[in-house]
Protein backbone atom coordinates (compact mmCIF):
# COMPACT_ATOMS: atom_id res chain seq x y z
CA UNK A 1 228.10 178.12 119.18
CA UNK A 2 225.40 176.84 117.27
CA UNK A 3 223.64 175.47 120.60
CA UNK A 4 220.58 177.51 119.51
CA UNK A 5 220.63 176.00 116.05
CA UNK A 6 217.09 175.13 114.81
CA UNK A 7 217.10 171.57 113.24
CA UNK A 8 215.84 173.23 109.18
CA UNK A 9 218.65 175.83 109.39
CA UNK A 10 221.19 173.01 110.38
CA UNK A 11 220.16 171.12 107.41
CA UNK A 12 220.12 173.97 105.27
CA UNK A 13 223.82 175.06 106.30
CA UNK A 14 224.94 171.15 105.92
CA UNK A 15 223.47 171.12 102.35
CA UNK A 16 224.75 174.43 101.26
CA UNK A 17 227.39 175.97 103.32
CA UNK A 18 229.69 172.87 104.12
CA UNK A 19 228.15 170.99 100.99
CA UNK A 20 227.69 167.95 102.65
CA UNK A 21 224.78 166.87 100.49
CA UNK A 22 224.07 163.20 101.63
CA UNK A 23 224.18 164.21 105.72
CA UNK A 24 221.85 167.01 105.05
CA UNK A 25 219.51 164.42 102.72
CA UNK A 26 219.47 161.89 105.51
CA UNK A 27 218.69 164.74 108.06
CA UNK A 28 215.69 165.85 105.19
CA UNK A 29 214.29 162.18 105.29
CA UNK A 30 214.25 162.33 109.37
CA UNK A 31 212.33 165.66 109.22
CA UNK A 32 210.04 164.10 106.75
CA UNK A 33 209.33 161.35 108.86
CA UNK A 34 209.08 163.32 111.82
CA UNK A 35 206.28 165.57 110.25
CA UNK A 36 204.40 162.44 108.58
CA UNK A 37 204.04 160.63 111.98
CA UNK A 38 202.80 163.93 113.63
CA UNK A 39 200.32 164.59 110.70
CA UNK A 40 198.87 161.07 111.04
CA UNK A 41 198.87 161.76 114.75
CA UNK A 42 196.77 164.77 114.37
CA UNK A 43 194.51 163.27 111.88
CA UNK A 44 193.77 160.29 114.08
CA UNK A 45 193.10 162.15 117.16
CA UNK A 46 191.54 165.19 115.97
CA UNK A 47 187.81 162.98 115.68
CA UNK A 48 188.05 163.01 119.56
CA UNK A 49 188.51 167.38 119.04
CA UNK A 50 185.60 168.34 116.94
CA UNK A 51 181.93 168.49 118.39
CA UNK A 52 179.01 168.40 116.11
CA UNK A 53 175.76 170.03 117.39
CA UNK A 54 172.74 167.82 116.84
CA UNK A 55 170.42 169.06 114.56
CA UNK A 56 167.19 170.71 116.46
């Protein structure tokens, strides 16, 4: 029972199906912080992945 729910779908259900707006808002902030952390990590390490060929 609901063991395979994704986080965003669970957030949606809490907000609009069960009307737990405060809980869903807190879940939204957690998701926002998680995505920001992944984005910053991606941007920080992307300099190592890009290879520019020298002009020759």
